[in-house]
Amino acid sequence: MDQIFKEFKAITLTTDFVKGDRLILFTDGISEAQNPQGTEFGVPPIIELMKMNYSLTLQQFVRSCGSKVQDFRAGEPSRDDLTLMVIERME
């Protein structure tokens, strides 16, 4: 394992994580999802989705984001995993 991560340099950042904040993590399978023309979904649309759907419940948020990616793909098979994880501070 040391050989694989030999050149990896981690950066540590801290921030306040208060009630209602969400940490949103996604794999490159979402940002690199392609439509039938071969265009990738990209990161900017993901950021817009997050902004537009922030007021939804967690379940609604994940479903909405997943639906948008699926609609974009328009039946194009996935070439990678599609993972979206959302963590929300409740208290």
PDB file of N, CA and C in Angstrom:
ATOM      1  N   MET A   1       0.811  -1.197   0.000  1.00  0.00           N
ATOM      2  CA  MET A   1       0.000   0.000   0.000  1.00  0.00           C
ATOM      3  C   MET A   1       0.851   1.256   0.000  1.00  0.00           C
ATOM      4  N   ASP A   2       1.975   1.223   0.652  1.00  0.00           N
ATOM      5  CA  ASP A   2       2.809   2.417   0.708  1.00  0.00           C
ATOM      6  C   ASP A   2       3.213   2.887  -0.680  1.00  0.00           C
ATOM      7  N   GLN A   3       3.439   1.953  -1.589  1.00  0.00           N
ATOM      8  CA  GLN A   3       3.861   2.313  -2.935  1.00  0.00           C
ATOM      9  C   GLN A   3       2.758   3.066  -3.686  1.00  0.00           C
ATOM     10  N   ILE A   4       1.523   2.669  -3.481  1.00  0.00           N
ATOM     11  CA  ILE A   4       0.415   3.294  -4.188  1.00  0.00           C
ATOM     12  C   ILE A   4       0.253   4.755  -3.778  1.00  0.00           C
ATOM     13  N   PHE A   5       0.358   5.023  -2.487  1.00  0.00           N
ATOM     14  CA  PHE A   5       0.113   6.356  -1.970  1.00  0.00           C
ATOM     15  C   PHE A   5       1.387   7.133  -1.651  1.00  0.00           C
ATOM     16  N   LYS A   6       2.504   6.701  -2.184  1.00  0.00           N
ATOM     17  CA  LYS A   6       3.785   7.322  -1.876  1.00  0.00           C
ATOM     18  C   LYS A   6       3.804   8.826  -2.166  1.00  0.00           C
ATOM     19  N   GLU A   7       3.207   9.242  -3.279  1.00  0.00           N
ATOM     20  CA  GLU A   7       3.250  10.646  -3.667  1.00  0.00           C
ATOM     21  C   GLU A   7       2.011  11.424  -3.219  1.00  0.00           C
ATOM     22  N   PHE A   8       1.101  10.795  -2.515  1.00  0.00           N
ATOM     23  CA  PHE A   8      -0.116  11.444  -2.050  1.00  0.00           C
ATOM     24  C   PHE A   8       0.181  12.405  -0.914  1.00  0.00           C
ATOM     25  N   LYS A   9      -0.321  13.620  -1.027  1.00  0.00           N
ATOM     26  CA  LYS A   9      -0.146  14.608   0.029  1.00  0.00           C
ATOM     27  C   LYS A   9      -1.523  15.053   0.499  1.00  0.00           C
ATOM     28  N   ALA A  10      -1.827  14.803   1.738  1.00  0.00           N
ATOM     29  CA  ALA A  10      -3.122  15.168   2.305  1.00  0.00           C
ATOM     30  C   ALA A  10      -3.086  16.593   2.839  1.00  0.00           C
ATOM     31  N   ILE A  11      -4.210  17.250   2.725  1.00  0.00           N
ATOM     32  CA  ILE A  11      -4.378  18.584   3.276  1.00  0.00           C
ATOM     33  C   ILE A  11      -5.487  18.491   4.316  1.00  0.00           C
ATOM     34  N   THR A  12      -5.250  19.035   5.468  1.00  0.00           N
ATOM     35  CA  THR A  12      -6.248  19.023   6.526  1.00  0.00           C
ATOM     36  C   THR A  12      -6.849  20.407   6.680  1.00  0.00           C
ATOM     37  N   LEU A  13      -8.163  20.469   6.613  1.00  0.00           N
ATOM     38  CA  LEU A  13      -8.882  21.719   6.807  1.00  0.00           C
ATOM     39  C   LEU A  13      -9.923  21.495   7.889  1.00  0.00           C
ATOM     40  N   THR A  14     -10.253  22.535   8.607  1.00  0.00           N
ATOM     41  CA  THR A  14     -11.314  22.431   9.603  1.00  0.00           C
ATOM     42  C   THR A  14     -12.339  23.525   9.350  1.00  0.00           C
ATOM     43  N   THR A  15     -13.555  23.241   9.732  1.00  0.00           N
ATOM     44  CA  THR A  15     -14.636  24.212   9.610  1.00  0.00           C
ATOM     45  C   THR A  15     -15.703  23.869  10.635  1.00  0.00           C
ATOM     46  N   ASP A  16     -16.516  24.827  10.968  1.00  0.00           N
ATOM     47  CA  ASP A  16     -17.636  24.549  11.850  1.00  0.00           C
ATOM     48  C   ASP A  16     -18.692  23.780  11.072  1.00  0.00           C
ATOM     49  N   PHE A  17     -19.278  22.785  11.708  1.00  0.00           N
ATOM     50  CA  PHE A  17     -20.317  21.961  11.108  1.00  0.00           C
ATOM     51  C   PHE A  17     -21.513  22.059  12.041  1.00  0.00           C
ATOM     52  N   VAL A  18     -22.421  22.987  11.738  1.00  0.00           N
ATOM     53  CA  VAL A  18     -23.515  23.301  12.655  1.00  0.00           C
ATOM     54  C   VAL A  18     -24.821  22.654  12.196  1.00  0.00           C
ATOM     55  N   LYS A  19     -25.799  22.687  13.075  1.00  0.00           N
ATOM     56  CA  LYS A  19     -27.104  22.095  12.794  1.00  0.00           C
ATOM     57  C   LYS A  19     -27.617  22.536  11.425  1.00  0.00           C
ATOM     58  N   GLY A  20     -28.033  21.566  10.623  1.00  0.00           N
ATOM     59  CA  GLY A  20     -28.553  21.845   9.288  1.00  0.00           C
ATOM     60  C   GLY A  20     -27.518  21.793   8.184  1.00  0.00           C
ATOM     61  N   ASP A  21     -26.236  21.844   8.529  1.00  0.00           N
ATOM     62  CA  ASP A  21     -25.182  21.750   7.512  1.00  0.00           C
ATOM     63  C   ASP A  21     -25.145  20.344   6.931  1.00  0.00           C
ATOM     64  N   ARG A  22     -24.744  20.259   5.678  1.00  0.00           N
ATOM     65  CA  ARG A  22     -24.610  18.967   5.001  1.00  0.00           C
ATOM     66  C   ARG A  22     -23.218  18.834   4.400  1.00  0.00           C
ATOM     67  N   LEU A  23     -22.696  17.639   4.535  1.00  0.00           N
ATOM     68  CA  LEU A  23     -21.451  17.270   3.871  1.00  0.00           C
ATOM     69  C   LEU A  23     -21.854  16.351   2.730  1.00  0.00           C
ATOM     70  N   ILE A  24     -21.521  16.739   1.510  1.00  0.00           N
ATOM     71  CA  ILE A  24     -21.945  15.997   0.331  1.00  0.00           C
ATOM     72  C   ILE A  24     -20.716  15.441  -0.368  1.00  0.00           C
ATOM     73  N   LEU A  25     -20.688  14.134  -0.494  1.00  0.00           N
ATOM     74  CA  LEU A  25     -19.570  13.439  -1.121  1.00  0.00           C
ATOM     75  C   LEU A  25     -20.092  12.650  -2.320  1.00  0.00           C
ATOM     76  N   PHE A  26     -19.332  12.647  -3.395  1.00  0.00           N
ATOM     77  CA  PHE A  26     -19.742  11.867  -4.566  1.00  0.00           C
ATOM     78  C   PHE A  26     -18.506  11.331  -5.274  1.00  0.00           C
ATOM     79  N   THR A  27     -18.695  10.211  -5.951  1.00  0.00           N
ATOM     80  CA  THR A  27     -17.595   9.616  -6.701  1.00  0.00           C
ATOM     81  C   THR A  27     -17.522  10.235  -8.100  1.00  0.00           C
ATOM     82  N   ASP A  28     -16.421  10.017  -8.753  1.00  0.00           N
ATOM     83  CA  ASP A  28     -16.241  10.545 -10.102  1.00  0.00           C
ATOM     84  C   ASP A  28     -17.206   9.912 -11.098  1.00  0.00           C
ATOM     85  N   GLY A  29     -17.841   8.810 -10.714  1.00  0.00           N
ATOM     86  CA  GLY A  29     -18.839   8.198 -11.594  1.00  0.00           C
ATOM     87  C   GLY A  29     -20.007   9.131 -11.847  1.00  0.00           C
ATOM     88  N   ILE A  30     -20.297  10.003 -10.897  1.00  0.00           N
ATOM     89  CA  ILE A  30     -21.379  10.962 -11.087  1.00  0.00           C
ATOM     90  C   ILE A  30     -20.913  12.121 -11.973  1.00  0.00           C
ATOM     91  N   SER A  31     -19.798  12.713 -11.647  1.00  0.00           N
ATOM     92  CA  SER A  31     -19.325  13.855 -12.448  1.00  0.00           C
ATOM     93  C   SER A  31     -18.921  13.436 -13.860  1.00  0.00           C
ATOM     94  N   GLU A  32     -18.520  12.182 -14.032  1.00  0.00           N
ATOM     95  CA  GLU A  32     -18.091  11.700 -15.346  1.00  0.00           C
ATOM     96  C   GLU A  32     -19.168  10.902 -16.070  1.00  0.00           C
ATOM     97  N   ALA A  33     -20.387  10.865 -15.515  1.00  0.00           N
ATOM     98  CA  ALA A  33     -21.495  10.196 -16.199  1.00  0.00           C
ATOM     99  C   ALA A  33     -21.684  10.856 -17.562  1.00  0.00           C
ATOM    100  N   GLN A  34     -21.904  10.038 -18.578  1.00  0.00           N
ATOM    101  CA  GLN A  34     -21.998  10.566 -19.942  1.00  0.00           C
ATOM    102  C   GLN A  34     -23.381  10.374 -20.530  1.00  0.00           C
ATOM    103  N   ASN A  35     -23.768  11.312 -21.372  1.00  0.00           N
ATOM    104  CA  ASN A  35     -25.004  11.168 -22.132  1.00  0.00           C
ATOM    105  C   ASN A  35     -24.680  10.420 -23.426  1.00  0.00           C
ATOM    106  N   PRO A  36     -25.675  10.096 -24.242  1.00  0.00           N
ATOM    107  CA  PRO A  36     -25.400   9.348 -25.483  1.00  0.00           C
ATOM    108  C   PRO A  36     -24.433  10.050 -26.443  1.00  0.00           C
ATOM    109  N   GLN A  37     -24.299  11.374 -26.326  1.00  0.00           N
ATOM    110  CA  GLN A  37     -23.362  12.101 -27.196  1.00  0.00           C
ATOM    111  C   GLN A  37     -21.935  12.079 -26.644  1.00  0.00           C
ATOM    112  N   GLY A  38     -21.744  11.485 -25.450  1.00  0.00           N
ATOM    113  CA  GLY A  38     -20.418  11.389 -24.863  1.00  0.00           C
ATOM    114  C   GLY A  38     -20.027  12.577 -23.999  1.00  0.00           C
ATOM    115  N   THR A  39     -20.957  13.495 -23.769  1.00  0.00           N
ATOM    116  CA  THR A  39     -20.689  14.655 -22.920  1.00  0.00           C
ATOM    117  C   THR A  39     -20.781  14.240 -21.460  1.00  0.00           C
ATOM    118  N   GLU A  40     -19.803  14.661 -20.655  1.00  0.00           N
ATOM    119  CA  GLU A  40     -19.821  14.350 -19.229  1.00  0.00           C
ATOM    120  C   GLU A  40     -20.728  15.311 -18.479  1.00  0.00           C
ATOM    121  N   PHE A  41     -21.336  14.809 -17.411  1.00  0.00           N
ATOM    122  CA  PHE A  41     -22.223  15.604 -16.565  1.00  0.00           C
ATOM    123  C   PHE A  41     -21.462  16.780 -15.970  1.00  0.00           C
ATOM    124  N   GLY A  42     -20.286  16.538 -15.403  1.00  0.00           N
ATOM    125  CA  GLY A  42     -19.428  17.598 -14.881  1.00  0.00           C
ATOM    126  C   GLY A  42     -19.728  17.996 -13.450  1.00  0.00           C
ATOM    127  N   VAL A  43     -18.860  18.788 -12.873  1.00  0.00           N
ATOM    128  CA  VAL A  43     -18.993  19.240 -11.488  1.00  0.00           C
ATOM    129  C   VAL A  43     -19.932  20.452 -11.367  1.00  0.00           C
ATOM    130  N   PRO A  44     -19.871  21.450 -12.260  1.00  0.00           N
ATOM    131  CA  PRO A  44     -20.774  22.600 -12.099  1.00  0.00           C
ATOM    132  C   PRO A  44     -22.256  22.223 -11.993  1.00  0.00           C
ATOM    133  N   PRO A  45     -22.765  21.273 -12.794  1.00  0.00           N
ATOM    134  CA  PRO A  45     -24.169  20.897 -12.628  1.00  0.00           C
ATOM    135  C   PRO A  45     -24.447  20.246 -11.271  1.00  0.00           C
ATOM    136  N   ILE A  46     -23.480  19.552 -10.728  1.00  0.00           N
ATOM    137  CA  ILE A  46     -23.650  18.942  -9.404  1.00  0.00           C
ATOM    138  C   ILE A  46     -23.773  20.036  -8.354  1.00  0.00           C
ATOM    139  N   ILE A  47     -22.937  21.048  -8.455  1.00  0.00           N
ATOM    140  CA  ILE A  47     -22.998  22.166  -7.507  1.00  0.00           C
ATOM    141  C   ILE A  47     -24.353  22.862  -7.619  1.00  0.00           C
ATOM    142  N   GLU A  48     -24.828  23.075  -8.837  1.00  0.00           N
ATOM    143  CA  GLU A  48     -26.138  23.707  -9.032  1.00  0.00           C
ATOM    144  C   GLU A  48     -27.252  22.853  -8.436  1.00  0.00           C
ATOM    145  N   LEU A  49     -27.187  21.541  -8.654  1.00  0.00           N
ATOM    146  CA  LEU A  49     -28.187  20.635  -8.069  1.00  0.00           C
ATOM    147  C   LEU A  49     -28.202  20.756  -6.553  1.00  0.00           C
ATOM    148  N   MET A  50     -27.037  20.807  -5.971  1.00  0.00           N
ATOM    149  CA  MET A  50     -26.932  20.905  -4.521  1.00  0.00           C
ATOM    150  C   MET A  50     -27.547  22.205  -4.021  1.00  0.00           C
ATOM    151  N   LYS A  51     -27.295  23.284  -4.719  1.00  0.00           N
ATOM    152  CA  LYS A  51     -27.858  24.572  -4.320  1.00  0.00           C
ATOM    153  C   LYS A  51     -29.380  24.586  -4.481  1.00  0.00           C
ATOM    154  N   MET A  52     -29.872  24.087  -5.605  1.00  0.00           N
ATOM    155  CA  MET A  52     -31.298  24.112  -5.901  1.00  0.00           C
ATOM    156  C   MET A  52     -32.111  23.196  -4.983  1.00  0.00           C
ATOM    157  N   ASN A  53     -31.510  22.095  -4.542  1.00  0.00           N
ATOM    158  CA  ASN A  53     -32.246  21.086  -3.791  1.00  0.00           C
ATOM    159  C   ASN A  53     -31.925  21.061  -2.305  1.00  0.00           C
ATOM    160  N   TYR A  54     -31.201  22.049  -1.823  1.00  0.00           N
ATOM    161  CA  TYR A  54     -30.750  22.028  -0.433  1.00  0.00           C
ATOM    162  C   TYR A  54     -31.894  21.999   0.570  1.00  0.00           C
ATOM    163  N   SER A  55     -33.020  22.605   0.247  1.00  0.00           N
ATOM    164  CA  SER A  55     -34.137  22.670   1.200  1.00  0.00           C
ATOM    165  C   SER A  55     -34.918  21.354   1.289  1.00  0.00           C
ATOM    166  N   LEU A  56     -34.637  20.406   0.416  1.00  0.00           N
ATOM    167  CA  LEU A  56     -35.327  19.121   0.451  1.00  0.00           C
ATOM    168  C   LEU A  56     -34.830  18.280   1.618  1.00  0.00           C
ATOM    169  N   THR A  57     -35.621  17.301   2.028  1.00  0.00           N
ATOM    170  CA  THR A  57     -35.153  16.351   3.032  1.00  0.00           C
ATOM    171  C   THR A  57     -33.987  15.569   2.429  1.00  0.00           C
ATOM    172  N   LEU A  58     -33.239  14.872   3.261  1.00  0.00           N
ATOM    173  CA  LEU A  58     -32.104  14.100   2.742  1.00  0.00           C
ATOM    174  C   LEU A  58     -32.541  13.105   1.680  1.00  0.00           C
ATOM    175  N   GLN A  59     -33.612  12.354   1.956  1.00  0.00           N
ATOM    176  CA  GLN A  59     -34.080  11.362   0.988  1.00  0.00           C
ATOM    177  C   GLN A  59     -34.495  12.022  -0.323  1.00  0.00           C
ATOM    178  N   GLN A  60     -35.236  13.109  -0.235  1.00  0.00           N
ATOM    179  CA  GLN A  60     -35.660  13.819  -1.439  1.00  0.00           C
ATOM    180  C   GLN A  60     -34.456  14.375  -2.191  1.00  0.00           C
ATOM    181  N   PHE A  61     -33.494  14.895  -1.450  1.00  0.00           N
ATOM    182  CA  PHE A  61     -32.286  15.466  -2.035  1.00  0.00           C
ATOM    183  C   PHE A  61     -31.530  14.411  -2.850  1.00  0.00           C
ATOM    184  N   VAL A  62     -31.306  13.249  -2.234  1.00  0.00           N
ATOM    185  CA  VAL A  62     -30.561  12.183  -2.917  1.00  0.00           C
ATOM    186  C   VAL A  62     -31.346  11.689  -4.133  1.00  0.00           C
ATOM    187  N   ARG A  63     -32.648  11.494  -3.982  1.00  0.00           N
ATOM    188  CA  ARG A  63     -33.480  11.038  -5.110  1.00  0.00           C
ATOM    189  C   ARG A  63     -33.457  12.050  -6.255  1.00  0.00           C
ATOM    190  N   SER A  64     -33.586  13.320  -5.917  1.00  0.00           N
ATOM    191  CA  SER A  64     -33.599  14.358  -6.939  1.00  0.00           C
ATOM    192  C   SER A  64     -32.279  14.404  -7.702  1.00  0.00           C
ATOM    193  N   CYS A  65     -31.179  14.388  -6.975  1.00  0.00           N
ATOM    194  CA  CYS A  65     -29.860  14.412  -7.619  1.00  0.00           C
ATOM    195  C   CYS A  65     -29.660  13.166  -8.489  1.00  0.00           C
ATOM    196  N   GLY A  66     -30.040  12.013  -7.953  1.00  0.00           N
ATOM    197  CA  GLY A  66     -29.914  10.769  -8.716  1.00  0.00           C
ATOM    198  C   GLY A  66     -30.755  10.792  -9.981  1.00  0.00           C
ATOM    199  N   SER A  67     -31.960  11.321  -9.883  1.00  0.00           N
ATOM    200  CA  SER A  67     -32.845  11.413 -11.054  1.00  0.00           C
ATOM    201  C   SER A  67     -32.252  12.309 -12.129  1.00  0.00           C
ATOM    202  N   LYS A  68     -31.667  13.428 -11.710  1.00  0.00           N
ATOM    203  CA  LYS A  68     -31.073  14.354 -12.685  1.00  0.00           C
ATOM    204  C   LYS A  68     -29.923  13.700 -13.439  1.00  0.00           C
ATOM    205  N   VAL A  69     -29.098  12.942 -12.719  1.00  0.00           N
ATOM    206  CA  VAL A  69     -27.980  12.255 -13.376  1.00  0.00           C
ATOM    207  C   VAL A  69     -28.517  11.183 -14.316  1.00  0.00           C
ATOM    208  N   GLN A  70     -29.514  10.429 -13.870  1.00  0.00           N
ATOM    209  CA  GLN A  70     -30.110   9.387 -14.717  1.00  0.00           C
ATOM    210  C   GLN A  70     -30.733  10.010 -15.966  1.00  0.00           C
ATOM    211  N   ASP A  71     -31.461  11.115 -15.790  1.00  0.00           N
ATOM    212  CA  ASP A  71     -32.060  11.799 -16.947  1.00  0.00           C
ATOM    213  C   ASP A  71     -30.985  12.255 -17.921  1.00  0.00           C
ATOM    214  N   PHE A  72     -29.894  12.795 -17.393  1.00  0.00           N
ATOM    215  CA  PHE A  72     -28.786  13.256 -18.244  1.00  0.00           C
ATOM    216  C   PHE A  72     -28.209  12.096 -19.051  1.00  0.00           C
ATOM    217  N   ARG A  73     -28.057  10.942 -18.395  1.00  0.00           N
ATOM    218  CA  ARG A  73     -27.479   9.774 -19.063  1.00  0.00           C
ATOM    219  C   ARG A  73     -28.383   9.242 -20.169  1.00  0.00           C
ATOM    220  N   ALA A  74     -29.676   9.482 -20.066  1.00  0.00           N
ATOM    221  CA  ALA A  74     -30.643   9.093 -21.107  1.00  0.00           C
ATOM    222  C   ALA A  74     -30.440   7.659 -21.575  1.00  0.00           C
ATOM    223  N   GLY A  75     -30.270   6.748 -20.617  1.00  0.00           N
ATOM    224  CA  GLY A  75     -30.130   5.330 -20.953  1.00  0.00           C
ATOM    225  C   GLY A  75     -28.708   4.881 -21.239  1.00  0.00           C
ATOM    226  N   GLU A  76     -27.784   5.811 -21.293  1.00  0.00           N
ATOM    227  CA  GLU A  76     -26.374   5.450 -21.522  1.00  0.00           C
ATOM    228  C   GLU A  76     -25.896   4.605 -20.341  1.00  0.00           C
ATOM    229  N   PRO A  77     -25.280   3.448 -20.608  1.00  0.00           N
ATOM    230  CA  PRO A  77     -24.829   2.600 -19.495  1.00  0.00           C
ATOM    231  C   PRO A  77     -23.735   3.275 -18.666  1.00  0.00           C
ATOM    232  N   SER A  78     -23.734   2.965 -17.397  1.00  0.00           N
ATOM    233  CA  SER A  78     -22.733   3.520 -16.490  1.00  0.00           C
ATOM    234  C   SER A  78     -21.392   2.842 -16.718  1.00  0.00           C
ATOM    235  N   ARG A  79     -20.334   3.624 -16.721  1.00  0.00           N
ATOM    236  CA  ARG A  79     -18.981   3.089 -16.881  1.00  0.00           C
ATOM    237  C   ARG A  79     -18.249   3.008 -15.549  1.00  0.00           C
ATOM    238  N   ASP A  80     -18.913   3.478 -14.494  1.00  0.00           N
ATOM    239  CA  ASP A  80     -18.272   3.553 -13.183  1.00  0.00           C
ATOM    240  C   ASP A  80     -19.371   3.507 -12.127  1.00  0.00           C
ATOM    241  N   ASP A  81     -18.961   3.408 -10.870  1.00  0.00           N
ATOM    242  CA  ASP A  81     -19.955   3.458  -9.805  1.00  0.00           C
ATOM    243  C   ASP A  81     -20.539   4.858  -9.723  1.00  0.00           C
ATOM    244  N   LEU A  82     -21.787   4.934  -9.282  1.00  0.00           N
ATOM    245  CA  LEU A  82     -22.458   6.216  -9.072  1.00  0.00           C
ATOM    246  C   LEU A  82     -22.804   6.281  -7.600  1.00  0.00           C
ATOM    247  N   THR A  83     -21.995   6.994  -6.841  1.00  0.00           N
ATOM    248  CA  THR A  83     -22.193   7.051  -5.397  1.00  0.00           C
ATOM    249  C   THR A  83     -22.332   8.496  -4.940  1.00  0.00           C
ATOM    250  N   LEU A  84     -23.388   8.734  -4.171  1.00  0.00           N
ATOM    251  CA  LEU A  84     -23.641  10.038  -3.569  1.00  0.00           C
ATOM    252  C   LEU A  84     -23.919   9.785  -2.091  1.00  0.00           C
ATOM    253  N   MET A  85     -23.163  10.431  -1.231  1.00  0.00           N
ATOM    254  CA  MET A  85     -23.361  10.280   0.213  1.00  0.00           C
ATOM    255  C   MET A  85     -23.552  11.671   0.806  1.00  0.00           C
ATOM    256  N   VAL A  86     -24.609  11.806   1.602  1.00  0.00           N
ATOM    257  CA  VAL A  86     -24.920  13.082   2.226  1.00  0.00           C
ATOM    258  C   VAL A  86     -25.000  12.877   3.730  1.00  0.00           C
ATOM    259  N   ILE A  87     -24.267  13.683   4.459  1.00  0.00           N
ATOM    260  CA  ILE A  87     -24.278  13.644   5.916  1.00  0.00           C
ATOM    261  C   ILE A  87     -24.806  14.994   6.395  1.00  0.00           C
ATOM    262  N   GLU A  88     -25.820  14.955   7.252  1.00  0.00           N
ATOM    263  CA  GLU A  88     -26.404  16.187   7.752  1.00  0.00           C
ATOM    264  C   GLU A  88     -26.293  16.246   9.280  1.00  0.00           C
ATOM    265  N   ARG A  89     -25.891  17.377   9.768  1.00  0.00           N
ATOM    266  CA  ARG A  89     -25.845  17.584  11.222  1.00  0.00           C
ATOM    267  C   ARG A  89     -27.259  17.885  11.693  1.00  0.00           C
ATOM    268  N   MET A  90     -27.780  17.043  12.559  1.00  0.00           N
ATOM    269  CA  MET A  90     -29.167  17.168  13.029  1.00  0.00           C
ATOM    270  C   MET A  90     -29.283  17.982  14.307  1.00  0.00           C
ATOM    271  N   GLU A  91     -28.287  18.001  15.141  1.00  0.00           N
ATOM    272  CA  GLU A  91     -28.362  18.730  16.422  1.00  0.00           C
ATOM    273  C   GLU A  91     -27.193  19.655  16.584  1.00  0.00           C
TER     274      GLU A  91
END
